Amino acid sequence: MTTHKSQGQTLQHVLVDLQSCHRTEAPYVMVSRVTSLRGLLILRSFNGNIISCHQS
């Protein structure tokens, strides 16, 4: 399933490949679809620079 297609979905289990992220929004969309951390599996190591936090 693509990141775009997963938007709006709620999933029990998610396997994500964060190395494939080309936009900064993609990691958030990918990991926020799963209902708990137990259902999240990250496929392989990734560049931590793709994750950012904007404080409001």
PDB file of N, CA and C in Angstrom:
ATOM      1  N   MET A   1       0.865  -1.167   0.000  1.00  0.00           N
ATOM      2  CA  MET A   1       0.000   0.000   0.000  1.00  0.00           C
ATOM      3  C   MET A   1       0.910   1.228   0.000  1.00  0.00           C
ATOM      4  N   THR A   2       0.571   2.206  -0.780  1.00  0.00           N
ATOM      5  CA  THR A   2       1.368   3.428  -0.823  1.00  0.00           C
ATOM      6  C   THR A   2       1.046   4.330   0.363  1.00  0.00           C
ATOM      7  N   THR A   3       1.958   5.261   0.649  1.00  0.00           N
ATOM      8  CA  THR A   3       1.733   6.229   1.726  1.00  0.00           C
ATOM      9  C   THR A   3       0.476   7.031   1.447  1.00  0.00           C
ATOM     10  N   HIS A   4       0.312   7.453   0.207  1.00  0.00           N
ATOM     11  CA  HIS A   4      -0.856   8.253  -0.164  1.00  0.00           C
ATOM     12  C   HIS A   4      -2.150   7.472   0.072  1.00  0.00           C
ATOM     13  N   LYS A   5      -2.170   6.218  -0.335  1.00  0.00           N
ATOM     14  CA  LYS A   5      -3.376   5.402  -0.185  1.00  0.00           C
ATOM     15  C   LYS A   5      -3.687   5.098   1.285  1.00  0.00           C
ATOM     16  N   SER A   6      -2.667   5.080   2.135  1.00  0.00           N
ATOM     17  CA  SER A   6      -2.882   4.757   3.548  1.00  0.00           C
ATOM     18  C   SER A   6      -3.471   5.911   4.351  1.00  0.00           C
ATOM     19  N   GLN A   7      -3.431   7.118   3.819  1.00  0.00           N
ATOM     20  CA  GLN A   7      -3.971   8.262   4.550  1.00  0.00           C
ATOM     21  C   GLN A   7      -5.441   8.027   4.863  1.00  0.00           C
ATOM     22  N   GLY A   8      -5.802   8.282   6.117  1.00  0.00           N
ATOM     23  CA  GLY A   8      -7.182   8.089   6.550  1.00  0.00           C
ATOM     24  C   GLY A   8      -7.489   6.682   7.026  1.00  0.00           C
ATOM     25  N   GLN A   9      -6.548   5.761   6.865  1.00  0.00           N
ATOM     26  CA  GLN A   9      -6.743   4.373   7.280  1.00  0.00           C
ATOM     27  C   GLN A   9      -6.285   4.188   8.728  1.00  0.00           C
ATOM     28  N   THR A  10      -6.867   3.231   9.412  1.00  0.00           N
ATOM     29  CA  THR A  10      -6.398   2.790  10.723  1.00  0.00           C
ATOM     30  C   THR A  10      -6.068   1.314  10.584  1.00  0.00           C
ATOM     31  N   LEU A  11      -4.829   0.957  10.908  1.00  0.00           N
ATOM     32  CA  LEU A  11      -4.361  -0.406  10.690  1.00  0.00           C
ATOM     33  C   LEU A  11      -3.835  -1.017  11.982  1.00  0.00           C
ATOM     34  N   GLN A  12      -4.018  -2.310  12.142  1.00  0.00           N
ATOM     35  CA  GLN A  12      -3.528  -3.023  13.325  1.00  0.00           C
ATOM     36  C   GLN A  12      -2.021  -3.266  13.243  1.00  0.00           C
ATOM     37  N   HIS A  13      -1.536  -3.578  12.049  1.00  0.00           N
ATOM     38  CA  HIS A  13      -0.120  -3.894  11.842  1.00  0.00           C
ATOM     39  C   HIS A  13       0.383  -3.143  10.617  1.00  0.00           C
ATOM     40  N   VAL A  14       1.581  -2.585  10.757  1.00  0.00           N
ATOM     41  CA  VAL A  14       2.175  -1.836   9.656  1.00  0.00           C
ATOM     42  C   VAL A  14       3.658  -2.188   9.569  1.00  0.00           C
ATOM     43  N   LEU A  15       4.114  -2.500   8.379  1.00  0.00           N
ATOM     44  CA  LEU A  15       5.530  -2.702   8.084  1.00  0.00           C
ATOM     45  C   LEU A  15       5.940  -1.533   7.205  1.00  0.00           C
ATOM     46  N   VAL A  16       6.862  -0.702   7.685  1.00  0.00           N
ATOM     47  CA  VAL A  16       7.242   0.494   6.934  1.00  0.00           C
ATOM     48  C   VAL A  16       8.713   0.445   6.546  1.00  0.00           C
ATOM     49  N   ASP A  17       9.009   1.040   5.407  1.00  0.00           N
ATOM     50  CA  ASP A  17      10.380   1.187   4.926  1.00  0.00           C
ATOM     51  C   ASP A  17      10.673   2.680   4.882  1.00  0.00           C
ATOM     52  N   LEU A  18      11.228   3.206   5.960  1.00  0.00           N
ATOM     53  CA  LEU A  18      11.468   4.641   6.052  1.00  0.00           C
ATOM     54  C   LEU A  18      12.611   5.100   5.154  1.00  0.00           C
ATOM     55  N   GLN A  19      13.418   4.170   4.646  1.00  0.00           N
ATOM     56  CA  GLN A  19      14.468   4.535   3.692  1.00  0.00           C
ATOM     57  C   GLN A  19      13.870   5.020   2.379  1.00  0.00           C
ATOM     58  N   SER A  20      12.653   4.641   2.112  1.00  0.00           N
ATOM     59  CA  SER A  20      12.024   5.005   0.838  1.00  0.00           C
ATOM     60  C   SER A  20      11.362   6.379   0.870  1.00  0.00           C
ATOM     61  N   CYS A  21      11.416   7.078   1.998  1.00  0.00           N
ATOM     62  CA  CYS A  21      10.753   8.381   2.132  1.00  0.00           C
ATOM     63  C   CYS A  21      11.487   9.451   1.342  1.00  0.00           C
ATOM     64  N   HIS A  22      10.739  10.160   0.519  1.00  0.00           N
ATOM     65  CA  HIS A  22      11.319  11.246  -0.264  1.00  0.00           C
ATOM     66  C   HIS A  22      10.821  12.600   0.211  1.00  0.00           C
ATOM     67  N   ARG A  23       9.762  12.624   0.980  1.00  0.00           N
ATOM     68  CA  ARG A  23       9.203  13.873   1.500  1.00  0.00           C
ATOM     69  C   ARG A  23       9.169  13.794   3.018  1.00  0.00           C
ATOM     70  N   THR A  24       9.237  14.937   3.676  1.00  0.00           N
ATOM     71  CA  THR A  24       9.292  14.943   5.138  1.00  0.00           C
ATOM     72  C   THR A  24       7.979  14.522   5.782  1.00  0.00           C
ATOM     73  N   GLU A  25       6.859  14.608   5.071  1.00  0.00           N
ATOM     74  CA  GLU A  25       5.568  14.221   5.637  1.00  0.00           C
ATOM     75  C   GLU A  25       5.373  12.712   5.643  1.00  0.00           C
ATOM     76  N   ALA A  26       6.055  12.011   4.765  1.00  0.00           N
ATOM     77  CA  ALA A  26       5.839  10.575   4.585  1.00  0.00           C
ATOM     78  C   ALA A  26       6.076   9.752   5.852  1.00  0.00           C
ATOM     79  N   PRO A  27       7.163   9.979   6.609  1.00  0.00           N
ATOM     80  CA  PRO A  27       7.350   9.160   7.818  1.00  0.00           C
ATOM     81  C   PRO A  27       6.194   9.301   8.800  1.00  0.00           C
ATOM     82  N   TYR A  28       5.683  10.508   8.979  1.00  0.00           N
ATOM     83  CA  TYR A  28       4.554  10.715   9.893  1.00  0.00           C
ATOM     84  C   TYR A  28       3.335   9.931   9.423  1.00  0.00           C
ATOM     85  N   VAL A  29       3.018  10.041   8.150  1.00  0.00           N
ATOM     86  CA  VAL A  29       1.850   9.333   7.612  1.00  0.00           C
ATOM     87  C   VAL A  29       2.037   7.831   7.785  1.00  0.00           C
ATOM     88  N   MET A  30       3.225   7.335   7.495  1.00  0.00           N
ATOM     89  CA  MET A  30       3.477   5.895   7.576  1.00  0.00           C
ATOM     90  C   MET A  30       3.299   5.352   8.994  1.00  0.00           C
ATOM     91  N   VAL A  31       3.902   5.995   9.972  1.00  0.00           N
ATOM     92  CA  VAL A  31       3.862   5.434  11.326  1.00  0.00           C
ATOM     93  C   VAL A  31       2.589   5.783  12.084  1.00  0.00           C
ATOM     94  N   SER A  32       1.864   6.800  11.648  1.00  0.00           N
ATOM     95  CA  SER A  32       0.656   7.197  12.385  1.00  0.00           C
ATOM     96  C   SER A  32      -0.586   6.401  11.984  1.00  0.00           C
ATOM     97  N   ARG A  33      -0.478   5.479  11.064  1.00  0.00           N
ATOM     98  CA  ARG A  33      -1.619   4.656  10.647  1.00  0.00           C
ATOM     99  C   ARG A  33      -1.873   3.509  11.611  1.00  0.00           C
ATOM    100  N   VAL A  34      -0.862   3.111  12.377  1.00  0.00           N
ATOM    101  CA  VAL A  34      -0.959   1.939  13.248  1.00  0.00           C
ATOM    102  C   VAL A  34      -1.559   2.336  14.599  1.00  0.00           C
ATOM    103  N   THR A  35      -2.341   1.429  15.189  1.00  0.00           N
ATOM    104  CA  THR A  35      -3.059   1.740  16.425  1.00  0.00           C
ATOM    105  C   THR A  35      -2.191   1.655  17.675  1.00  0.00           C
ATOM    106  N   SER A  36      -1.060   0.939  17.617  1.00  0.00           N
ATOM    107  CA  SER A  36      -0.163   0.854  18.777  1.00  0.00           C
ATOM    108  C   SER A  36       1.255   0.583  18.291  1.00  0.00           C
ATOM    109  N   LEU A  37       2.227   0.863  19.146  1.00  0.00           N
ATOM    110  CA  LEU A  37       3.624   0.605  18.789  1.00  0.00           C
ATOM    111  C   LEU A  37       3.895  -0.881  18.585  1.00  0.00           C
ATOM    112  N   ARG A  38       3.132  -1.722  19.247  1.00  0.00           N
ATOM    113  CA  ARG A  38       3.317  -3.176  19.078  1.00  0.00           C
ATOM    114  C   ARG A  38       3.009  -3.623  17.655  1.00  0.00           C
ATOM    115  N   GLY A  39       2.205  -2.863  16.954  1.00  0.00           N
ATOM    116  CA  GLY A  39       1.853  -3.210  15.588  1.00  0.00           C
ATOM    117  C   GLY A  39       2.734  -2.559  14.537  1.00  0.00           C
ATOM    118  N   LEU A  40       3.768  -1.838  14.974  1.00  0.00           N
ATOM    119  CA  LEU A  40       4.658  -1.128  14.053  1.00  0.00           C
ATOM    120  C   LEU A  40       5.963  -1.889  13.896  1.00  0.00           C
ATOM    121  N   LEU A  41       6.324  -2.196  12.662  1.00  0.00           N
ATOM    122  CA  LEU A  41       7.595  -2.845  12.366  1.00  0.00           C
ATOM    123  C   LEU A  41       8.308  -2.008  11.312  1.00  0.00           C
ATOM    124  N   ILE A  42       9.520  -1.561  11.651  1.00  0.00           N
ATOM    125  CA  ILE A  42      10.332  -0.785  10.712  1.00  0.00           C
ATOM    126  C   ILE A  42      11.258  -1.767  10.013  1.00  0.00           C
ATOM    127  N   LEU A  43      11.198  -1.802   8.692  1.00  0.00           N
ATOM    128  CA  LEU A  43      11.875  -2.809   7.880  1.00  0.00           C
ATOM    129  C   LEU A  43      13.389  -2.785   8.028  1.00  0.00           C
ATOM    130  N   ARG A  44      13.994  -1.607   7.985  1.00  0.00           N
ATOM    131  CA  ARG A  44      15.457  -1.503   8.037  1.00  0.00           C
ATOM    132  C   ARG A  44      15.866  -0.148   8.589  1.00  0.00           C
ATOM    133  N   SER A  45      17.145   0.012   8.850  1.00  0.00           N
ATOM    134  CA  SER A  45      17.626   1.284   9.389  1.00  0.00           C
ATOM    135  C   SER A  45      17.373   2.396   8.371  1.00  0.00           C
ATOM    136  N   PHE A  46      17.330   3.626   8.876  1.00  0.00           N
ATOM    137  CA  PHE A  46      17.029   4.766   8.013  1.00  0.00           C
ATOM    138  C   PHE A  46      17.773   5.992   8.507  1.00  0.00           C
ATOM    139  N   ASN A  47      17.872   6.988   7.671  1.00  0.00           N
ATOM    140  CA  ASN A  47      18.520   8.250   8.002  1.00  0.00           C
ATOM    141  C   ASN A  47      17.602   9.032   8.940  1.00  0.00           C
ATOM    142  N   GLY A  48      18.053   9.284  10.151  1.00  0.00           N
ATOM    143  CA  GLY A  48      17.245   9.990  11.139  1.00  0.00           C
ATOM    144  C   GLY A  48      16.915  11.421  10.764  1.00  0.00           C
ATOM    145  N   ASN A  49      17.615  11.977   9.782  1.00  0.00           N
ATOM    146  CA  ASN A  49      17.349  13.353   9.353  1.00  0.00           C
ATOM    147  C   ASN A  49      15.997  13.508   8.660  1.00  0.00           C
ATOM    148  N   ILE A  50      15.367  12.403   8.286  1.00  0.00           N
ATOM    149  CA  ILE A  50      14.050  12.518   7.648  1.00  0.00           C
ATOM    150  C   ILE A  50      12.953  12.796   8.664  1.00  0.00           C
ATOM    151  N   ILE A  51      13.272  12.616   9.949  1.00  0.00           N
ATOM    152  CA  ILE A  51      12.310  12.874  11.020  1.00  0.00           C
ATOM    153  C   ILE A  51      12.567  14.265  11.577  1.00  0.00           C
ATOM    154  N   SER A  52      11.541  15.071  11.643  1.00  0.00           N
ATOM    155  CA  SER A  52      11.702  16.407  12.224  1.00  0.00           C
ATOM    156  C   SER A  52      10.506  16.710  13.112  1.00  0.00           C
ATOM    157  N   CYS A  53      10.720  17.601  14.046  1.00  0.00           N
ATOM    158  CA  CYS A  53       9.675  17.999  14.973  1.00  0.00           C
ATOM    159  C   CYS A  53       9.550  19.512  14.934  1.00  0.00           C
ATOM    160  N   HIS A  54       8.355  19.990  14.679  1.00  0.00           N
ATOM    161  CA  HIS A  54       8.099  21.427  14.652  1.00  0.00           C
ATOM    162  C   HIS A  54       7.307  21.787  15.896  1.00  0.00           C
ATOM    163  N   GLN A  55       7.922  22.534  16.789  1.00  0.00           N
ATOM    164  CA  GLN A  55       7.234  22.945  18.006  1.00  0.00           C
ATOM    165  C   GLN A  55       6.345  24.136  17.710  1.00  0.00           C
ATOM    166  N   SER A  56       5.129  24.114  18.259  1.00  0.00           N
ATOM    167  CA  SER A  56       4.220  25.237  18.017  1.00  0.00           C
ATOM    168  C   SER A  56       4.083  26.100  19.235  1.00  0.00           C
TER     169      SER A  56
END
